[in-house]
Amino acid sequence: MSLSLRLPAALAATVLAMPSLSAQQHKPVQPDYAAAMHREHAAETPSASPAALVAPRMAVTGESVVYATIGGQQITGYLTKPAYYRGGPAVVMVHEWWGLNDNIKAMADRFAGEGYAVLAVDLFGGQVATTPDAAMTLYQAGMRNIAAGEENVAMAVRYLLANGATAVGTVGYCFGGHWSLRTGLAAGTSVNAVVIYYGAPITNAQDIARLKAPVLGLFGGKDTGIPLDSVRAMESTIKKAGQAVTINVYANAKHAFANPSGQAYDKAAAEDAWTKTLGFFKANLK
């Protein structure tokens, strides 16, 4: 006897419309990266790590600049560059989930000391967190409107190009690592190199198809917030899209091993990642 004869018509239609148990079991589960980051940073505060205290290799000058207007609101970032800079390679830097704080500005200064104009963007509307709970709230808000975020970072790239940049790279940490890649997606051919420090991977082929730059990814083998299988899936998707990608996994490093504002700093991994980042930018921007 058919299902529709044994059950009331409305109930039968509901049951027939439900996916099978097998289909439910095989449906991909999207990681809750906000919760994962809260777990990874649960015991941390955004105090300066050794990476944030390293002085730039040469004199730099920094200032606050308005680099975008979105929805009628001006967006202010931190622009730093070598004192001699009159144009040349540039970098968009995206902050951690703590926001655009002094530690991120110090890291921007350090990149500027290597000869780059660096624009540290703000995706949190001027807000800065000092606790994991507050940071999680900002993270979730920053991920709620991807289109607005992509407009923000794309305008940052355009700002640099309009102010003397001859080539633009991107770099970001954690939340910013994800958005470093999204900057490459949003700005397309205007971005020449993308560096991801332990950011949530993007594996959607339609999104990755917008990428026009090579990628360097730097991840920790003991990072329980960013599963390595998702990193490898991203790597595969980027390769299939025809872009060069290099993924470095530091086997004993945790999440945020190069964190300029946390307590998970791993000196050996962070210094090697710094060297690789500079080499990558030199090869693709200078």
Protein backbone atom coordinates (compact mmCIF):
# COMPACT_ATOMS: atom_id res chain seq x y z
CA MET A 1 0.00 0.00 0.00
CA SER A 2 1.39 3.40 -0.89
CA LEU A 3 2.55 5.90 1.73
CA SER A 4 -0.07 8.42 0.63
CA LEU A 5 -2.89 5.96 1.39
CA ARG A 6 -1.67 5.15 4.90
CA LEU A 7 -1.07 8.75 5.98
CA PRO A 8 -3.08 11.95 5.69
CA ALA A 9 -2.24 13.69 2.43
CA ALA A 10 -0.46 16.68 4.05
CA LEU A 11 1.68 14.46 6.28
CA ALA A 12 2.50 12.15 3.41
CA ALA A 13 3.67 15.09 1.30
CA THR A 14 5.88 16.30 4.15
CA VAL A 15 7.49 12.88 4.59
CA LEU A 16 8.08 12.43 0.87
CA ALA A 17 9.72 15.87 0.68
CA MET A 18 12.20 15.07 3.43
CA PRO A 19 15.74 14.11 2.34
CA SER A 20 16.70 10.53 2.97
CA LEU A 21 18.78 9.64 6.02
CA SER A 22 21.62 8.81 3.66
CA ALA A 23 21.40 12.26 2.03
CA GLN A 24 21.39 13.94 5.45
CA GLN A 25 24.42 11.92 6.53
CA HIS A 26 26.41 12.98 3.47
CA LYS A 27 25.44 16.66 3.52
CA PRO A 28 28.61 18.75 4.04
CA VAL A 29 28.81 20.36 7.46
CA GLN A 30 30.08 23.93 7.45
CA PRO A 31 32.53 24.52 10.31
CA ASP A 32 31.59 27.12 12.89
CA TYR A 33 34.83 29.06 12.64
CA ALA A 34 33.70 31.74 15.08
CA ALA A 35 33.25 29.11 17.80
CA ALA A 36 36.50 27.43 16.80
CA MET A 37 38.40 30.70 17.08
CA HIS A 38 36.82 31.37 20.46
CA ARG A 39 38.11 28.00 21.62
CA GLU A 40 41.59 28.65 20.20
CA HIS A 41 41.86 32.11 21.80
CA ALA A 42 39.95 31.32 25.01
CA ALA A 43 42.93 31.93 27.30
CA GLU A 44 44.38 34.86 25.37
CA THR A 45 44.40 38.62 25.57
CA PRO A 46 45.69 40.93 22.82
CA SER A 47 48.98 41.83 24.48
CA ALA A 48 52.08 42.42 22.41
CA SER A 49 54.04 39.33 21.44
CA PRO A 50 57.73 39.33 20.44
CA ALA A 51 56.65 39.73 16.80
CA ALA A 52 54.88 42.98 17.59
CA LEU A 53 57.92 44.40 19.38
CA VAL A 54 60.42 43.98 16.53
CA ALA A 55 61.35 47.41 15.18
CA PRO A 56 61.09 48.10 11.42
CA ARG A 57 64.34 47.53 9.55
CA MET A 58 64.29 51.12 8.28
CA ALA A 59 62.53 54.37 9.23
CA VAL A 60 58.81 54.42 8.44
CA THR A 61 56.00 56.95 8.72
CA GLY A 62 52.43 56.01 9.63
CA GLU A 63 49.10 57.84 9.67
CA SER A 64 45.37 57.24 9.74
CA VAL A 65 43.73 57.60 6.32
CA VAL A 66 40.21 57.34 4.96
CA TYR A 67 40.49 54.76 2.21
CA ALA A 68 36.85 53.92 1.52
CA THR A 69 33.26 55.05 1.91
CA ILE A 70 30.66 52.30 2.24
CA GLY A 71 26.99 52.94 2.77
CA GLY A 72 27.77 56.59 3.41
CA GLN A 73 30.24 55.71 6.17
CA GLN A 74 33.91 56.58 5.89
CA ILE A 75 36.34 53.73 6.58
CA THR A 76 39.61 54.62 8.27
CA GLY A 77 42.75 52.48 8.16
CA TYR A 78 46.40 52.77 9.07
CA LEU A 79 48.82 53.61 6.22
CA THR A 80 52.53 53.16 6.84
CA LYS A 81 55.45 53.31 4.43
CA PRO A 82 59.20 53.85 4.25
CA ALA A 83 60.22 57.44 4.75
CA TYR A 84 61.66 57.51 1.22
CA TYR A 85 58.57 55.97 -0.45
CA ARG A 86 57.42 57.75 -3.60
CA GLY A 87 55.66 54.79 -5.16
CA GLY A 88 56.37 51.08 -5.49
CA PRO A 89 55.07 47.76 -4.14
CA ALA A 90 52.30 47.84 -1.56
CA VAL A 91 50.44 45.51 0.78
CA VAL A 92 46.90 45.37 2.16
CA MET A 93 47.01 43.94 5.69
CA VAL A 94 43.90 42.55 7.41
CA HIS A 95 43.71 42.43 11.20
CA GLU A 96 43.03 39.50 13.51
CA TRP A 97 39.70 39.04 15.24
CA TRP A 98 40.86 41.54 17.88
CA GLY A 99 40.51 44.34 15.34
CA LEU A 100 42.84 47.03 14.05
CA ASN A 101 44.80 47.48 17.27
CA ASP A 102 48.29 48.82 18.00
CA ASN A 103 49.87 45.39 17.61
CA ILE A 104 48.61 45.05 14.03
CA LYS A 105 49.85 48.56 13.30
CA ALA A 106 53.28 47.50 14.62
CA MET A 107 53.27 44.53 12.24
CA ALA A 108 52.31 46.87 9.40
CA ASP A 109 55.27 49.08 10.33
CA ARG A 110 57.53 46.05 10.20
CA PHE A 111 56.40 45.24 6.65
CA ALA A 112 56.84 48.90 5.70
CA GLY A 113 60.41 48.62 6.96
CA GLU A 114 60.98 46.10 4.18
CA GLY A 115 60.14 48.65 1.50
CA TYR A 116 56.35 48.41 1.15
CA ALA A 117 53.52 50.86 1.55
CA VAL A 118 51.14 49.01 3.89
CA LEU A 119 47.48 49.79 4.39
CA ALA A 120 46.07 48.03 7.46
CA VAL A 121 42.34 47.97 6.83
CA ASP A 122 39.45 47.99 9.29
CA LEU A 123 36.60 45.50 8.92
CA PHE A 124 35.15 46.16 12.38
CA GLY A 125 34.07 49.77 12.03
CA GLY A 126 36.67 51.12 14.43
CA GLN A 127 35.87 48.62 17.19
CA VAL A 128 38.67 46.75 18.97
CA ALA A 129 38.20 43.74 21.26
CA THR A 130 40.17 42.93 24.41
CA THR A 131 38.40 39.70 25.39
CA PRO A 132 37.61 36.51 23.42
CA ASP A 133 33.86 37.05 23.92
CA ALA A 134 34.00 40.54 22.43
CA ALA A 135 36.28 39.36 19.63
CA MET A 136 33.88 36.56 18.73
CA THR A 137 31.05 39.08 18.44
CA LEU A 138 33.14 41.25 16.11
CA TYR A 139 34.19 38.17 14.09
CA GLN A 140 30.58 37.13 13.59
CA ALA A 141 29.56 40.65 12.59
CA GLY A 142 32.47 40.83 10.14
CA MET A 143 31.38 37.60 8.48
CA ARG A 144 27.69 38.52 8.35
CA ASN A 145 27.94 40.74 5.26
CA ILE A 146 30.55 39.30 2.91
CA ALA A 147 29.64 41.69 0.10
CA ALA A 148 30.30 44.78 2.24
CA GLY A 149 33.57 43.31 3.47
CA GLU A 150 34.72 42.58 -0.06
CA GLU A 151 33.80 46.12 -1.11
CA ASN A 152 35.89 47.38 1.82
CA VAL A 153 39.05 45.47 0.89
CA ALA A 154 38.65 46.07 -2.85
CA MET A 155 38.54 49.81 -2.17
CA ALA A 156 41.71 49.45 -0.10
CA VAL A 157 43.46 47.97 -3.12
CA ARG A 158 42.17 50.77 -5.32
CA TYR A 159 43.36 53.34 -2.76
CA LEU A 160 46.90 51.98 -2.89
CA LEU A 161 46.93 51.86 -6.70
CA ALA A 162 45.73 55.46 -6.82
CA ASN A 163 48.54 56.50 -4.48
CA GLY A 164 51.64 55.15 -6.16
CA ALA A 165 51.42 51.37 -5.78
CA THR A 166 52.98 49.50 -8.69
CA ALA A 167 51.85 46.07 -7.43
CA VAL A 168 49.68 45.00 -4.49
CA GLY A 169 49.92 41.98 -2.21
CA THR A 170 47.67 40.98 0.66
CA VAL A 171 48.40 39.46 4.07
CA GLY A 172 46.26 38.70 7.10
CA TYR A 173 46.17 36.71 10.31
CA CYS A 174 43.37 34.37 11.50
CA PHE A 175 40.17 36.31 10.64
CA GLY A 176 42.47 38.44 8.51
CA GLY A 177 43.96 35.38 6.81
CA HIS A 178 40.53 34.51 5.46
CA TRP A 179 40.03 38.11 4.38
CA SER A 180 43.46 38.29 2.79
CA LEU A 181 42.24 35.62 0.39
CA ARG A 182 38.90 37.40 -0.02
CA THR A 183 40.81 40.55 -0.96
CA GLY A 184 42.37 38.57 -3.80
CA LEU A 185 38.91 37.39 -4.86
CA ALA A 186 37.33 40.84 -4.63
CA ALA A 187 40.10 42.75 -6.42
CA GLY A 188 40.93 40.13 -9.05
CA THR A 189 43.77 41.13 -11.37
CA SER A 190 44.59 44.17 -9.20
CA VAL A 191 46.14 41.83 -6.61
CA ASN A 192 49.49 40.19 -7.40
CA ALA A 193 50.12 38.00 -4.35
CA VAL A 194 48.05 36.61 -1.46
CA VAL A 195 49.43 35.45 1.92
CA ILE A 196 47.17 33.60 4.36
CA TYR A 197 48.21 33.10 7.97
CA TYR A 198 45.96 30.34 9.41
CA GLY A 199 42.73 31.80 8.07
CA ALA A 200 39.49 29.90 7.51
CA PRO A 201 39.83 28.25 4.07
CA ILE A 202 37.61 29.05 1.11
CA THR A 203 36.88 25.93 -0.93
CA ASN A 204 33.98 27.00 -3.14
CA ALA A 205 35.14 26.70 -6.75
CA GLN A 206 32.92 29.56 -7.94
CA ASP A 207 34.52 31.90 -5.40
CA ILE A 208 38.06 30.73 -6.12
CA ALA A 209 37.50 31.26 -9.85
CA ARG A 210 37.78 35.01 -9.15
CA LEU A 211 41.34 34.58 -7.85
CA LYS A 212 44.04 35.86 -10.22
CA ALA A 213 47.10 35.77 -7.95
CA PRO A 214 49.44 33.14 -6.50
CA VAL A 215 48.83 32.13 -2.89
CA LEU A 216 51.09 31.36 0.06
CA GLY A 217 49.37 29.65 2.99
CA LEU A 218 50.95 29.29 6.44
CA PHE A 219 49.26 26.96 8.91
CA GLY A 220 49.92 25.18 12.19
CA GLY A 221 49.84 21.41 12.39
CA LYS A 222 48.38 21.58 15.92
CA ASP A 223 45.73 24.14 15.02
CA THR A 224 42.47 22.50 16.09
CA GLY A 225 40.42 25.42 14.78
CA ILE A 226 41.48 25.15 11.13
CA PRO A 227 41.27 21.48 10.02
CA LEU A 228 44.11 20.57 7.67
CA ASP A 229 41.76 18.62 5.42
CA SER A 230 39.94 21.89 4.69
CA VAL A 231 43.28 23.57 3.97
CA ARG A 232 44.15 20.80 1.51
CA ALA A 233 40.71 21.11 -0.07
CA MET A 234 41.35 24.83 -0.59
CA GLU A 235 44.77 24.06 -2.04
CA SER A 236 43.22 21.62 -4.52
CA THR A 237 40.51 24.09 -5.53
CA ILE A 238 43.07 26.84 -6.15
CA LYS A 239 45.18 24.51 -8.29
CA LYS A 240 42.14 23.46 -10.31
CA ALA A 241 41.44 27.16 -10.91
CA GLY A 242 44.89 27.45 -12.50
CA GLN A 243 46.61 29.51 -9.81
CA ALA A 244 49.89 28.73 -8.09
CA VAL A 245 49.59 27.85 -4.41
CA THR A 246 52.13 26.89 -1.76
CA ILE A 247 50.94 25.59 1.61
CA ASN A 248 53.39 25.41 4.50
CA VAL A 249 52.32 23.49 7.61
CA TYR A 250 54.42 23.87 10.76
CA ALA A 251 53.87 20.50 12.41
CA ASN A 252 54.28 21.59 16.03
CA ALA A 253 52.74 25.05 15.75
CA LYS A 254 49.31 25.92 17.12
CA HIS A 255 46.77 28.36 15.77
CA ALA A 256 48.05 31.95 15.79
CA PHE A 257 51.69 30.90 15.95
CA ALA A 258 52.73 34.22 14.40
CA ASN A 259 50.08 36.17 16.27
CA PRO A 260 51.25 39.74 16.89
CA SER A 261 48.68 40.06 19.67
CA GLY A 262 48.37 36.81 21.59
CA GLN A 263 50.12 34.14 23.65
CA ALA A 264 50.47 31.30 21.12
CA TYR A 265 53.59 32.80 19.52
CA ASP A 266 56.03 30.19 18.19
CA LYS A 267 59.35 31.89 17.47
CA ALA A 268 60.79 29.30 15.08
CA ALA A 269 57.62 28.93 13.02
CA ALA A 270 56.89 32.67 13.02
CA GLU A 271 60.38 33.63 11.87
CA ASP A 272 60.37 31.02 9.11
CA ALA A 273 56.91 32.19 7.99
CA TRP A 274 58.15 35.80 7.99
CA THR A 275 61.10 34.85 5.77
CA LYS A 276 58.83 32.94 3.40
CA THR A 277 56.36 35.83 3.27
CA LEU A 278 59.06 38.35 2.39
CA GLY A 279 60.45 36.03 -0.27
CA PHE A 280 56.99 35.53 -1.76
CA PHE A 281 56.28 39.24 -1.87
CA LYS A 282 59.71 39.99 -3.35
CA ALA A 283 59.14 37.45 -6.11
CA ASN A 284 55.67 38.70 -6.98
CA LEU A 285 55.62 42.41 -6.15
CA LYS A 286 59.10 43.83 -6.70
